[in-house]
N, C-alpha and C. Protein backbone atom coordinates (compact mmCIF):
# COMPACT_ATOMS: atom_id res chain seq x y z
N MET A 1 112.67 98.83 79.63
CA MET A 1 112.11 99.23 78.34
C MET A 1 110.64 98.92 78.32
N LYS A 2 109.81 99.86 77.85
CA LYS A 2 108.37 99.63 77.81
C LYS A 2 107.98 98.65 76.72
N ASN A 3 108.80 98.61 75.64
CA ASN A 3 108.53 97.60 74.62
C ASN A 3 108.90 96.24 75.19
N THR A 4 108.10 95.23 74.91
CA THR A 4 108.44 93.89 75.38
C THR A 4 109.33 93.20 74.38
N LEU A 5 109.91 92.09 74.81
CA LEU A 5 110.74 91.31 73.92
C LEU A 5 109.96 90.85 72.70
N LEU A 6 108.65 90.62 72.87
CA LEU A 6 107.84 90.20 71.74
C LEU A 6 107.73 91.30 70.69
N ALA A 7 107.97 92.56 71.10
CA ALA A 7 107.91 93.66 70.15
C ALA A 7 109.14 93.69 69.27
N GLY A 8 110.20 93.01 69.70
CA GLY A 8 111.40 92.91 68.90
C GLY A 8 111.36 91.68 68.03
N ALA A 9 112.57 91.21 67.68
CA ALA A 9 112.64 90.05 66.80
C ALA A 9 112.74 88.80 67.64
N LEU A 10 111.62 88.36 68.19
CA LEU A 10 111.58 87.21 69.07
C LEU A 10 111.20 85.98 68.27
N VAL A 11 111.94 84.91 68.48
CA VAL A 11 111.62 83.64 67.84
C VAL A 11 111.50 82.60 68.94
N LEU A 12 110.43 81.84 68.95
CA LEU A 12 110.25 80.77 69.92
C LEU A 12 110.58 79.45 69.25
N VAL A 13 111.46 78.71 69.88
CA VAL A 13 111.85 77.40 69.37
C VAL A 13 111.48 76.38 70.42
N LEU A 14 110.69 75.40 70.06
CA LEU A 14 110.22 74.42 71.02
C LEU A 14 111.16 73.23 71.08
N ALA A 15 111.51 72.83 72.30
CA ALA A 15 112.28 71.63 72.55
C ALA A 15 111.48 70.79 73.55
N PRO A 16 111.82 69.54 73.73
CA PRO A 16 111.04 68.72 74.64
C PRO A 16 110.90 69.35 76.02
N SER A 17 109.65 69.67 76.40
CA SER A 17 109.32 70.20 77.72
C SER A 17 109.95 71.57 77.99
N ASN A 18 110.49 72.22 76.99
CA ASN A 18 111.13 73.51 77.20
C ASN A 18 110.80 74.45 76.05
N ALA A 19 110.69 75.74 76.36
CA ALA A 19 110.56 76.76 75.32
C ALA A 19 111.83 77.58 75.31
N LEU A 20 112.59 77.49 74.22
CA LEU A 20 113.84 78.22 74.10
C LEU A 20 113.56 79.53 73.38
N ALA A 21 113.72 80.63 74.07
CA ALA A 21 113.42 81.93 73.48
C ALA A 21 114.70 82.58 73.02
N GLN A 22 114.83 82.77 71.74
CA GLN A 22 116.03 83.42 71.23
C GLN A 22 115.65 84.72 70.56
N TRP A 23 116.57 85.68 70.64
CA TRP A 23 116.32 87.02 70.11
C TRP A 23 117.44 87.39 69.15
N SER A 24 117.10 88.14 68.12
CA SER A 24 118.13 88.62 67.21
C SER A 24 117.68 89.90 66.53
N ASP A 25 118.65 90.67 66.07
CA ASP A 25 118.35 91.86 65.29
C ASP A 25 119.43 92.04 64.24
N ASP A 26 119.02 92.04 62.97
CA ASP A 26 119.97 92.27 61.89
C ASP A 26 119.79 93.65 61.26
N PHE A 27 118.88 94.45 61.81
CA PHE A 27 118.66 95.86 61.47
C PHE A 27 118.12 96.07 60.05
N GLU A 28 117.70 94.98 59.43
CA GLU A 28 117.19 95.09 58.06
C GLU A 28 115.78 95.69 58.02
N SER A 29 115.05 95.62 59.12
CA SER A 29 113.66 96.10 59.12
C SER A 29 113.53 97.60 59.34
N TYR A 30 114.65 98.29 59.56
CA TYR A 30 114.61 99.73 59.83
C TYR A 30 115.01 100.52 58.59
N GLY A 31 114.54 101.75 58.52
CA GLY A 31 114.92 102.61 57.41
C GLY A 31 116.33 103.14 57.57
N ASP A 32 116.96 103.49 56.47
CA ASP A 32 118.31 104.04 56.51
C ASP A 32 118.29 105.37 57.28
N GLY A 33 119.09 105.45 58.32
CA GLY A 33 119.14 106.65 59.14
C GLY A 33 118.08 106.72 60.23
N GLU A 34 117.25 105.68 60.35
CA GLU A 34 116.17 105.72 61.34
C GLU A 34 116.73 105.70 62.76
N LEU A 35 116.23 106.59 63.59
CA LEU A 35 116.61 106.64 64.99
C LEU A 35 115.96 105.48 65.72
N LEU A 36 116.74 104.66 66.40
CA LEU A 36 116.21 103.47 67.06
C LEU A 36 115.85 103.83 68.50
N TYR A 37 114.77 104.56 68.61
CA TYR A 37 114.24 105.02 69.88
C TYR A 37 112.81 104.53 70.00
N HIS A 38 112.59 103.62 70.95
CA HIS A 38 111.30 102.94 71.08
C HIS A 38 110.93 102.22 69.79
N VAL A 39 111.96 101.68 69.15
CA VAL A 39 111.79 100.93 67.90
C VAL A 39 112.50 99.59 68.06
N GLY A 40 111.78 98.49 67.82
CA GLY A 40 112.39 97.17 67.88
C GLY A 40 112.97 96.82 69.24
N GLY A 41 112.47 97.46 70.30
CA GLY A 41 113.00 97.21 71.64
C GLY A 41 114.18 98.08 72.02
N TRP A 42 114.66 98.92 71.09
CA TRP A 42 115.81 99.78 71.36
C TRP A 42 115.37 101.12 71.96
N SER A 43 116.28 101.73 72.71
CA SER A 43 116.06 103.06 73.27
C SER A 43 117.42 103.69 73.52
N GLY A 44 117.42 104.84 74.20
CA GLY A 44 118.65 105.45 74.68
C GLY A 44 118.70 105.34 76.18
N PHE A 45 119.90 105.31 76.72
CA PHE A 45 120.05 105.25 78.18
C PHE A 45 119.29 106.42 78.81
N PHE A 46 118.70 106.17 79.98
CA PHE A 46 117.83 107.13 80.65
C PHE A 46 116.59 107.46 79.80
N ASP A 47 116.31 106.64 78.80
CA ASP A 47 115.23 106.89 77.85
C ASP A 47 115.42 108.22 77.14
N GLU A 48 116.67 108.57 76.87
CA GLU A 48 116.98 109.82 76.17
C GLU A 48 117.04 109.56 74.66
N MET A 49 116.24 110.30 73.93
CA MET A 49 116.18 110.11 72.48
C MET A 49 117.51 110.47 71.82
N ASN A 50 118.19 111.50 72.33
CA ASN A 50 119.37 112.01 71.63
C ASN A 50 120.60 111.12 71.77
N VAL A 51 120.54 110.04 72.58
CA VAL A 51 121.68 109.13 72.66
C VAL A 51 121.36 107.77 72.04
N ALA A 52 120.19 107.63 71.44
CA ALA A 52 119.83 106.36 70.79
C ALA A 52 120.69 106.14 69.55
N GLY A 53 120.84 104.87 69.16
CA GLY A 53 121.58 104.54 67.95
C GLY A 53 120.75 104.77 66.70
N ARG A 54 121.40 104.66 65.55
CA ARG A 54 120.71 104.83 64.27
C ARG A 54 121.01 103.64 63.36
N ALA A 55 119.99 103.22 62.63
CA ALA A 55 120.22 102.24 61.57
C ALA A 55 120.93 102.94 60.42
N THR A 56 121.82 102.22 59.76
CA THR A 56 122.58 102.83 58.68
C THR A 56 122.86 101.81 57.58
N SER A 57 122.93 102.31 56.37
CA SER A 57 123.33 101.46 55.25
C SER A 57 124.80 101.70 54.88
N ALA A 58 125.50 102.49 55.70
CA ALA A 58 126.90 102.79 55.41
C ALA A 58 127.77 101.54 55.50
N GLN A 59 127.44 100.65 56.45
CA GLN A 59 128.19 99.41 56.63
C GLN A 59 127.20 98.31 57.01
N ALA A 60 127.54 97.08 56.68
CA ALA A 60 126.71 95.95 57.10
C ALA A 60 127.56 94.68 57.10
N HIS A 61 127.35 93.86 58.10
CA HIS A 61 128.00 92.55 58.12
C HIS A 61 127.25 91.59 57.23
N SER A 62 125.92 91.67 57.25
CA SER A 62 125.08 90.91 56.34
C SER A 62 123.93 91.81 55.92
N GLY A 63 123.32 91.53 54.81
CA GLY A 63 122.22 92.38 54.35
C GLY A 63 122.70 93.79 54.02
N ASN A 64 121.88 94.80 54.38
CA ASN A 64 122.17 96.17 53.98
C ASN A 64 122.21 97.17 55.13
N ARG A 65 122.03 96.71 56.38
CA ARG A 65 121.93 97.64 57.50
C ARG A 65 122.76 97.16 58.69
N SER A 66 123.14 98.12 59.53
CA SER A 66 123.73 97.86 60.84
C SER A 66 123.27 98.98 61.75
N ILE A 67 123.72 98.98 63.01
CA ILE A 67 123.45 100.09 63.91
C ILE A 67 124.73 100.90 64.09
N LEU A 68 124.61 102.21 63.94
CA LEU A 68 125.74 103.13 64.06
C LEU A 68 125.82 103.62 65.50
N ILE A 69 127.00 103.47 66.10
CA ILE A 69 127.28 103.97 67.44
C ILE A 69 128.38 105.02 67.31
N SER A 70 127.99 106.28 67.36
CA SER A 70 128.95 107.37 67.21
C SER A 70 129.19 108.04 68.56
N ARG A 71 129.92 109.13 68.58
CA ARG A 71 130.34 109.76 69.83
C ARG A 71 129.13 110.09 70.73
N TYR A 72 129.21 109.61 71.96
CA TYR A 72 128.20 109.80 73.01
C TYR A 72 126.88 109.07 72.74
N THR A 73 126.84 108.21 71.74
CA THR A 73 125.69 107.32 71.61
C THR A 73 125.68 106.36 72.80
N ASP A 74 124.50 106.08 73.30
CA ASP A 74 124.35 105.16 74.44
C ASP A 74 123.07 104.35 74.20
N ALA A 75 123.14 103.45 73.22
CA ALA A 75 121.97 102.68 72.79
C ALA A 75 121.78 101.48 73.70
N VAL A 76 120.54 101.24 74.13
CA VAL A 76 120.25 100.11 75.01
C VAL A 76 119.12 99.27 74.43
N HIS A 77 119.19 97.98 74.74
CA HIS A 77 118.11 97.05 74.40
C HIS A 77 117.85 96.17 75.61
N PRO A 78 116.90 96.56 76.49
CA PRO A 78 116.53 95.71 77.62
C PRO A 78 115.73 94.49 77.15
N PHE A 79 115.72 93.47 78.01
CA PHE A 79 114.97 92.26 77.73
C PHE A 79 113.87 92.09 78.76
N VAL A 80 112.66 91.92 78.26
CA VAL A 80 111.48 91.74 79.11
C VAL A 80 110.79 90.45 78.67
N PRO A 81 110.81 89.39 79.48
CA PRO A 81 111.49 89.32 80.77
C PRO A 81 112.98 89.11 80.62
N ASN A 82 113.72 89.21 81.72
CA ASN A 82 115.15 88.92 81.71
C ASN A 82 115.38 87.43 81.43
N TYR A 83 116.56 87.13 80.93
CA TYR A 83 117.02 85.74 80.88
C TYR A 83 117.59 85.42 82.27
N THR A 84 117.04 84.43 82.93
CA THR A 84 117.44 84.15 84.31
C THR A 84 117.86 82.71 84.56
N SER A 85 117.81 81.86 83.58
CA SER A 85 118.26 80.47 83.77
C SER A 85 118.69 79.90 82.43
N GLY A 86 119.43 78.81 82.50
CA GLY A 86 119.85 78.13 81.29
C GLY A 86 121.20 78.60 80.78
N GLN A 87 121.55 78.09 79.60
CA GLN A 87 122.84 78.41 78.97
C GLN A 87 122.56 79.16 77.66
N TRP A 88 123.18 80.31 77.51
CA TRP A 88 122.90 81.19 76.37
C TRP A 88 124.20 81.71 75.78
N THR A 89 124.17 81.97 74.48
CA THR A 89 125.28 82.62 73.80
C THR A 89 124.79 83.95 73.24
N LEU A 90 125.43 85.03 73.68
CA LEU A 90 125.16 86.37 73.16
C LEU A 90 126.30 86.71 72.21
N SER A 91 125.97 87.08 70.98
CA SER A 91 127.01 87.41 70.01
C SER A 91 126.62 88.65 69.21
N ALA A 92 127.64 89.32 68.69
CA ALA A 92 127.44 90.50 67.85
C ALA A 92 128.66 90.65 66.96
N TRP A 93 128.44 91.18 65.78
CA TRP A 93 129.56 91.52 64.89
C TRP A 93 129.80 93.02 64.97
N MET A 94 131.06 93.41 65.09
CA MET A 94 131.43 94.81 65.31
C MET A 94 132.48 95.24 64.30
N LEU A 95 132.38 96.49 63.86
CA LEU A 95 133.35 97.06 62.93
C LEU A 95 133.82 98.41 63.45
N MET A 96 135.14 98.58 63.55
CA MET A 96 135.77 99.87 63.89
C MET A 96 136.86 100.17 62.86
N PHE A 97 136.96 101.42 62.48
CA PHE A 97 138.03 101.83 61.59
C PHE A 97 139.14 102.50 62.39
N ARG A 98 140.37 102.21 62.02
CA ARG A 98 141.52 102.68 62.80
C ARG A 98 141.56 104.19 62.92
N GLU A 99 141.20 104.89 61.87
CA GLU A 99 141.32 106.35 61.89
C GLU A 99 140.06 107.05 62.38
N ASP A 100 139.01 106.30 62.65
CA ASP A 100 137.70 106.91 62.91
C ASP A 100 137.36 106.85 64.40
N HIS A 101 138.18 107.50 65.22
CA HIS A 101 137.89 107.50 66.65
C HIS A 101 138.52 108.71 67.34
N VAL A 102 137.91 109.09 68.46
CA VAL A 102 138.44 110.13 69.33
C VAL A 102 138.75 109.54 70.70
N ASP A 103 137.88 108.68 71.17
CA ASP A 103 138.04 108.06 72.49
C ASP A 103 137.45 106.66 72.44
N ASP A 104 137.35 106.02 73.60
CA ASP A 104 136.99 104.61 73.67
C ASP A 104 135.51 104.35 73.39
N THR A 105 135.20 103.08 73.14
CA THR A 105 133.82 102.64 73.02
C THR A 105 133.67 101.34 73.81
N TYR A 106 132.42 100.98 74.15
CA TYR A 106 132.17 99.89 75.10
C TYR A 106 131.01 99.01 74.63
N PHE A 107 131.16 97.70 74.85
CA PHE A 107 130.07 96.74 74.71
C PHE A 107 129.75 96.26 76.11
N ILE A 108 128.54 96.54 76.58
CA ILE A 108 128.17 96.34 77.98
C ILE A 108 126.95 95.44 78.07
N VAL A 109 126.94 94.56 79.07
CA VAL A 109 125.77 93.77 79.40
C VAL A 109 125.45 94.00 80.87
N HIS A 110 124.18 94.28 81.16
CA HIS A 110 123.73 94.44 82.54
C HIS A 110 122.99 93.18 83.00
N ASN A 111 123.12 92.87 84.29
CA ASN A 111 122.28 91.81 84.84
C ASN A 111 121.18 92.37 85.75
N GLU A 112 121.13 93.70 85.88
CA GLU A 112 119.99 94.37 86.48
C GLU A 112 119.87 95.75 85.85
N PHE A 113 118.66 96.08 85.41
CA PHE A 113 118.48 97.33 84.65
C PHE A 113 117.04 97.77 84.85
N GLU A 114 116.79 98.44 85.98
CA GLU A 114 115.45 98.85 86.37
C GLU A 114 115.36 100.37 86.45
N PHE A 115 114.20 100.87 86.16
CA PHE A 115 113.97 102.30 86.34
C PHE A 115 113.25 102.51 87.66
N PRO A 116 113.71 103.37 88.58
CA PRO A 116 114.84 104.30 88.44
C PRO A 116 116.14 103.73 88.99
N GLY A 117 116.32 102.46 89.02
CA GLY A 117 117.50 101.80 89.54
C GLY A 117 117.07 100.68 90.47
N PRO A 118 118.01 99.83 90.90
CA PRO A 118 119.45 99.88 90.65
C PRO A 118 119.83 99.32 89.28
N PHE A 119 121.10 99.53 88.93
CA PHE A 119 121.65 99.07 87.67
C PHE A 119 122.94 98.32 87.96
N ARG A 120 123.02 97.10 87.50
CA ARG A 120 124.18 96.25 87.79
C ARG A 120 124.85 95.79 86.50
N TRP A 121 126.16 95.90 86.45
CA TRP A 121 126.95 95.49 85.29
C TRP A 121 127.41 94.06 85.47
N THR A 122 127.42 93.29 84.38
CA THR A 122 128.07 91.99 84.39
C THR A 122 129.24 91.94 83.41
N ILE A 123 129.12 92.60 82.26
CA ILE A 123 130.18 92.64 81.25
C ILE A 123 130.43 94.08 80.85
N GLU A 124 131.69 94.47 80.77
CA GLU A 124 132.04 95.76 80.17
C GLU A 124 133.32 95.58 79.36
N MET A 125 133.14 95.36 78.06
CA MET A 125 134.28 95.26 77.16
C MET A 125 134.66 96.66 76.73
N GLN A 126 135.88 97.04 77.04
CA GLN A 126 136.39 98.36 76.69
C GLN A 126 137.29 98.26 75.46
N PHE A 127 136.96 99.01 74.44
CA PHE A 127 137.79 99.11 73.24
C PHE A 127 138.64 100.37 73.42
N ASP A 128 139.86 100.16 73.91
CA ASP A 128 140.76 101.23 74.33
C ASP A 128 141.58 101.70 73.13
N VAL A 129 141.22 102.84 72.58
CA VAL A 129 141.89 103.28 71.35
C VAL A 129 143.29 103.81 71.61
N SER A 130 143.62 104.14 72.86
CA SER A 130 144.97 104.61 73.17
C SER A 130 145.98 103.48 73.08
N THR A 131 145.54 102.26 73.38
CA THR A 131 146.43 101.09 73.31
C THR A 131 146.11 100.18 72.14
N GLY A 132 144.95 100.41 71.50
CA GLY A 132 144.54 99.56 70.38
C GLY A 132 144.16 98.16 70.83
N THR A 133 143.65 98.04 72.06
CA THR A 133 143.32 96.72 72.59
C THR A 133 141.92 96.69 73.19
N VAL A 134 141.40 95.47 73.33
CA VAL A 134 140.13 95.19 73.98
C VAL A 134 140.41 94.53 75.32
N LEU A 135 139.70 94.95 76.36
CA LEU A 135 139.85 94.31 77.66
C LEU A 135 138.50 94.22 78.35
N ASP A 136 138.42 93.30 79.30
CA ASP A 136 137.26 93.17 80.16
C ASP A 136 137.55 93.99 81.41
N ASP A 137 136.82 95.09 81.61
CA ASP A 137 137.11 95.98 82.72
C ASP A 137 136.96 95.32 84.08
N PHE A 138 136.15 94.27 84.17
CA PHE A 138 135.88 93.64 85.46
C PHE A 138 136.73 92.41 85.71
N ARG A 139 137.29 91.82 84.66
CA ARG A 139 138.07 90.59 84.80
C ARG A 139 139.32 90.74 83.95
N PRO A 140 140.27 91.56 84.40
CA PRO A 140 141.42 91.87 83.55
C PRO A 140 142.29 90.65 83.26
N GLU A 141 142.25 90.21 82.04
CA GLU A 141 143.14 89.16 81.56
C GLU A 141 144.11 89.84 80.59
N THR A 142 144.65 89.08 79.66
CA THR A 142 145.54 89.67 78.65
C THR A 142 144.70 90.37 77.59
N PRO A 143 144.90 91.67 77.36
CA PRO A 143 144.12 92.37 76.32
C PRO A 143 144.36 91.77 74.94
N ILE A 144 143.38 91.96 74.08
CA ILE A 144 143.43 91.46 72.70
C ILE A 144 143.49 92.67 71.75
N PRO A 145 144.29 92.62 70.71
CA PRO A 145 144.31 93.73 69.76
C PRO A 145 142.95 93.96 69.11
N ILE A 146 142.58 95.23 68.95
CA ILE A 146 141.35 95.56 68.23
C ILE A 146 141.50 95.17 66.77
N ALA A 147 140.51 94.50 66.23
CA ALA A 147 140.53 94.08 64.83
C ALA A 147 140.00 95.23 63.97
N TYR A 148 140.83 96.21 63.75
CA TYR A 148 140.42 97.39 62.99
C TYR A 148 140.12 97.04 61.52
N ASP A 149 139.21 97.82 60.94
CA ASP A 149 138.96 97.83 59.50
C ASP A 149 138.35 96.54 58.95
N ARG A 150 137.79 95.72 59.83
CA ARG A 150 137.08 94.52 59.40
C ARG A 150 136.09 94.12 60.49
N TRP A 151 135.12 93.32 60.11
CA TRP A 151 134.14 92.83 61.07
C TRP A 151 134.77 91.77 61.97
N ALA A 152 134.53 91.89 63.27
CA ALA A 152 135.02 90.92 64.25
C ALA A 152 133.86 90.56 65.18
N GLN A 153 133.84 89.32 65.62
CA GLN A 153 132.72 88.86 66.46
C GLN A 153 133.02 88.99 67.95
N ILE A 154 132.05 89.53 68.66
CA ILE A 154 131.99 89.47 70.12
C ILE A 154 131.11 88.28 70.48
N ARG A 155 131.56 87.46 71.42
CA ARG A 155 130.75 86.32 71.86
C ARG A 155 130.89 86.14 73.36
N ILE A 156 129.75 86.02 74.03
CA ILE A 156 129.75 85.78 75.47
C ILE A 156 128.89 84.55 75.72
N ASP A 157 129.48 83.54 76.34
CA ASP A 157 128.76 82.32 76.71
C ASP A 157 128.36 82.42 78.18
N PHE A 158 127.05 82.35 78.42
CA PHE A 158 126.51 82.45 79.78
C PHE A 158 125.97 81.09 80.24
N ASP A 159 126.38 80.68 81.41
CA ASP A 159 125.74 79.56 82.10
C ASP A 159 125.08 80.14 83.34
N LEU A 160 123.81 80.50 83.21
CA LEU A 160 123.11 81.17 84.29
C LEU A 160 122.77 80.22 85.43
N ASP A 161 122.76 78.92 85.16
CA ASP A 161 122.48 77.96 86.22
C ASP A 161 123.65 77.81 87.18
N ASN A 162 124.86 78.07 86.66
CA ASN A 162 126.07 77.88 87.47
C ASN A 162 126.86 79.16 87.68
N ASP A 163 126.29 80.32 87.26
CA ASP A 163 126.92 81.63 87.49
C ASP A 163 128.32 81.71 86.88
N VAL A 164 128.40 81.36 85.59
CA VAL A 164 129.68 81.40 84.88
C VAL A 164 129.47 82.07 83.53
N GLN A 165 130.42 82.91 83.13
CA GLN A 165 130.41 83.48 81.79
C GLN A 165 131.82 83.45 81.23
N THR A 166 131.91 83.32 79.90
CA THR A 166 133.19 83.36 79.21
C THR A 166 133.04 84.28 78.00
N THR A 167 133.99 85.20 77.84
CA THR A 167 133.92 86.22 76.80
C THR A 167 135.02 85.99 75.77
N TRP A 168 134.64 86.15 74.50
CA TRP A 168 135.55 85.97 73.37
C TRP A 168 135.46 87.19 72.47
N TYR A 169 136.57 87.51 71.81
CA TYR A 169 136.57 88.58 70.81
C TYR A 169 137.44 88.15 69.64
N ASP A 170 136.90 88.26 68.45
CA ASP A 170 137.62 87.92 67.23
C ASP A 170 138.18 86.50 67.29
N GLY A 171 137.39 85.59 67.89
CA GLY A 171 137.80 84.20 67.97
C GLY A 171 138.82 83.90 69.05
N GLN A 172 139.17 84.89 69.87
CA GLN A 172 140.18 84.71 70.91
C GLN A 172 139.55 84.84 72.29
N PHE A 173 140.02 84.03 73.21
CA PHE A 173 139.55 84.10 74.59
C PHE A 173 139.92 85.45 75.20
N LEU A 174 138.95 86.09 75.86
CA LEU A 174 139.22 87.36 76.54
C LEU A 174 139.19 87.21 78.05
N SER A 175 138.13 86.60 78.60
CA SER A 175 138.04 86.50 80.06
C SER A 175 136.98 85.47 80.45
N THR A 176 137.03 85.08 81.69
CA THR A 176 135.98 84.23 82.25
C THR A 176 135.82 84.57 83.72
N GLY A 177 134.67 84.22 84.27
CA GLY A 177 134.39 84.51 85.68
C GLY A 177 132.91 84.36 85.95
N THR A 178 132.50 84.81 87.11
CA THR A 178 131.09 84.72 87.47
C THR A 178 130.27 85.75 86.69
N VAL A 179 129.01 85.43 86.48
CA VAL A 179 128.09 86.39 85.87
C VAL A 179 127.84 87.55 86.82
N ARG A 180 127.68 87.24 88.09
CA ARG A 180 127.44 88.26 89.11
C ARG A 180 128.77 88.77 89.64
N LEU A 181 128.95 90.08 89.63
CA LEU A 181 130.15 90.67 90.21
C LEU A 181 130.07 90.71 91.73
N ASP A 182 128.87 90.55 92.25
CA ASP A 182 128.62 90.49 93.68
C ASP A 182 127.51 89.46 93.90
N PRO A 183 127.63 88.60 94.91
CA PRO A 183 126.61 87.55 95.09
C PRO A 183 125.21 88.08 95.37
N THR A 184 125.09 89.37 95.69
CA THR A 184 123.76 89.95 95.90
C THR A 184 123.11 90.43 94.61
N PHE A 185 123.88 90.44 93.52
CA PHE A 185 123.34 90.89 92.24
C PHE A 185 122.45 89.80 91.63
N PRO A 186 121.50 90.18 90.79
CA PRO A 186 120.68 89.17 90.10
C PRO A 186 121.52 88.32 89.15
N LEU A 187 121.13 87.09 88.99
CA LEU A 187 121.78 86.19 88.04
C LEU A 187 120.94 86.22 86.77
N ALA A 188 121.29 87.14 85.86
CA ALA A 188 120.42 87.40 84.71
C ALA A 188 121.16 88.12 83.60
N ILE A 189 120.58 88.04 82.40
CA ILE A 189 120.95 88.91 81.28
C ILE A 189 119.77 89.87 81.13
N ALA A 190 119.99 91.14 81.43
CA ALA A 190 118.90 92.10 81.49
C ALA A 190 118.92 93.14 80.38
N ASN A 191 120.10 93.47 79.85
CA ASN A 191 120.17 94.59 78.92
C ASN A 191 121.49 94.57 78.17
N ILE A 192 121.45 94.99 76.90
CA ILE A 192 122.64 95.26 76.11
C ILE A 192 122.79 96.77 76.00
N ASP A 193 124.02 97.26 76.16
CA ASP A 193 124.30 98.70 76.12
C ASP A 193 125.49 98.94 75.20
N LEU A 194 125.29 99.72 74.16
CA LEU A 194 126.34 100.07 73.21
C LEU A 194 126.67 101.55 73.42
N TYR A 195 127.82 101.81 74.05
CA TYR A 195 128.17 103.18 74.45
C TYR A 195 129.50 103.61 73.84
N SER A 196 129.59 104.89 73.47
CA SER A 196 130.83 105.42 72.93
C SER A 196 131.21 106.75 73.58
N ASP A 197 132.46 106.83 74.01
CA ASP A 197 133.04 108.10 74.45
C ASP A 197 133.52 108.93 73.27
N GLY A 198 133.69 108.29 72.12
CA GLY A 198 134.20 109.04 70.98
C GLY A 198 134.41 108.21 69.74
N ALA A 199 134.71 106.91 69.90
CA ALA A 199 134.94 106.07 68.73
C ALA A 199 133.64 105.79 67.98
N THR A 200 133.73 105.75 66.66
CA THR A 200 132.60 105.35 65.83
C THR A 200 132.70 103.86 65.55
N SER A 201 131.61 103.16 65.74
CA SER A 201 131.60 101.73 65.48
C SER A 201 130.24 101.32 64.92
N TYR A 202 130.20 100.14 64.35
CA TYR A 202 128.98 99.57 63.78
C TYR A 202 128.80 98.18 64.36
N TYR A 203 127.54 97.81 64.65
CA TYR A 203 127.21 96.47 65.12
C TYR A 203 126.13 95.89 64.21
N ASP A 204 126.23 94.60 64.00
CA ASP A 204 125.25 93.92 63.15
C ASP A 204 125.07 92.49 63.67
N ASP A 205 123.94 91.89 63.28
CA ASP A 205 123.66 90.49 63.58
C ASP A 205 123.88 90.18 65.06
N ILE A 206 123.23 90.98 65.90
CA ILE A 206 123.28 90.75 67.35
C ILE A 206 122.23 89.71 67.70
N ARG A 207 122.59 88.73 68.52
CA ARG A 207 121.60 87.71 68.84
C ARG A 207 121.92 87.04 70.18
N ILE A 208 120.88 86.50 70.77
CA ILE A 208 121.00 85.62 71.93
C ILE A 208 120.34 84.31 71.54
N ILE A 209 121.10 83.22 71.60
CA ILE A 209 120.59 81.91 71.24
C ILE A 209 120.94 80.92 72.34
N PRO A 210 120.18 79.82 72.46
CA PRO A 210 120.57 78.79 73.41
C PRO A 210 121.96 78.27 73.07
N ALA A 211 122.79 78.11 74.09
CA ALA A 211 124.11 77.54 73.87
C ALA A 211 123.96 76.14 73.28
N PRO A 212 124.91 75.71 72.47
CA PRO A 212 124.79 74.39 71.84
C PRO A 212 124.47 73.29 72.84
N GLY A 213 123.40 72.56 72.58
CA GLY A 213 123.03 71.44 73.43
C GLY A 213 122.25 71.81 74.68
N ALA A 214 122.08 73.13 74.91
CA ALA A 214 121.41 73.54 76.15
C ALA A 214 119.90 73.52 75.98
N LEU A 215 119.20 73.04 77.00
CA LEU A 215 117.76 73.14 77.07
C LEU A 215 117.46 74.23 78.09
N ALA A 216 117.47 75.49 77.61
CA ALA A 216 117.37 76.62 78.53
C ALA A 216 115.93 77.06 78.69
N LEU A 217 115.62 77.60 79.84
CA LEU A 217 114.31 78.17 80.11
C LEU A 217 114.42 79.68 80.21
N LEU A 218 113.53 80.39 79.57
CA LEU A 218 113.52 81.84 79.69
C LEU A 218 113.02 82.22 81.07
N GLY A 219 113.77 83.14 81.74
CA GLY A 219 113.38 83.57 83.08
C GLY A 219 112.13 84.42 83.06
N LEU A 220 111.58 84.68 84.22
CA LEU A 220 110.30 85.37 84.34
C LEU A 220 110.43 86.75 84.94
N GLY A 221 111.65 87.26 85.14
CA GLY A 221 111.81 88.59 85.70
C GLY A 221 111.42 89.65 84.70
N GLY A 222 111.15 90.86 85.16
CA GLY A 222 110.78 91.95 84.28
C GLY A 222 111.60 93.17 84.59
N ILE A 223 111.73 94.08 83.59
CA ILE A 223 112.50 95.29 83.84
C ILE A 223 111.83 96.47 83.18
N GLY A 224 112.26 97.63 83.58
CA GLY A 224 111.93 98.84 82.85
C GLY A 224 113.19 99.28 82.14
N PHE A 225 113.22 100.52 81.65
CA PHE A 225 114.47 100.99 81.09
C PHE A 225 114.86 102.28 81.78
N ALA A 226 115.98 102.83 81.37
CA ALA A 226 116.71 103.94 81.97
C ALA A 226 117.74 103.33 82.90
N GLY A 227 118.74 104.09 83.24
CA GLY A 227 119.78 103.51 84.06
C GLY A 227 120.88 104.47 84.35
N TYR A 228 121.97 103.93 84.78
CA TYR A 228 123.14 104.71 85.16
C TYR A 228 124.19 104.56 84.11
N ARG A 229 124.92 105.63 83.85
CA ARG A 229 125.97 105.62 82.83
C ARG A 229 126.99 104.54 83.15
N ARG A 230 127.76 104.16 82.18
CA ARG A 230 128.75 103.10 82.35
C ARG A 230 129.55 103.31 83.62
N ARG A 231 130.12 102.21 84.10
CA ARG A 231 130.84 102.23 85.36
C ARG A 231 132.05 103.15 85.33
N ARG A 232 132.83 103.09 84.25
CA ARG A 232 134.07 103.84 84.16
C ARG A 232 133.79 105.33 84.05
N THR A 233 134.56 106.17 84.72
CA THR A 233 134.38 107.62 84.66
C THR A 233 135.59 108.25 84.00
């Protein structure tokens, strides 16, 4: 992404000998219906305007706005620089309605996201509307029922120093494993990707904060934007 993290909602919190950089977006600063393309650090995959998300007042977890992810939306928010060390918690609130879907939707995190590539996945949460369950496509554990018709929290705890992540949905454990799917992949949080094959969903109060008690350092890697479509075909 050409916009830097400082162009988004960046907050610097000082701790002894460390600068903890946390990011959040509650979508309150955007206009109703505003296309989030080169706005607040958001874009569309491949830098395509027509797949970017939109701010909406139709639903909100807090305040008056959220981001709408409708059919074939592929909204991305890269981080410049990447998070490459320390312990971080990435969380988001998500809303799906039981009757408002055609196909699946995905919450994706990349640990490499460079233009014109390569692109590496670390998390791919699939909201499978045919089964009504959420699963981690890369670390299949027991699926969790989709919390339809109410806001539910996605939470991923990253320990980038030890290459470990744990994913939670609606307060329930979903999966755990290494951050890197291959030891040659970067150990980083590089991009958030909100993609839909057909289901309509809303996200609000997305944030990355230092994990409780962690004295994390923001990494120094950099990225561009654009990338490859989700792993699943």
